[in-house]
């Protein structure tokens, strides 16, 4: 197990990467799908015609 400063650095880096991915997922400039309400980054429903 890594100790001290290096471990905290890696934990902080991993947390930042997760937060960046969440920011991409919930970007305000992208609206949900008009037909199935799928959020950006989510899969559309099988019946959705807007998926492409």
Foldseek 3Di string as FASTA:
>chain_A
DDDDPVVVVVVVVVVVVVVVVVCVQPPPVFFADPPQRHGPPDDGDPPDPPDD
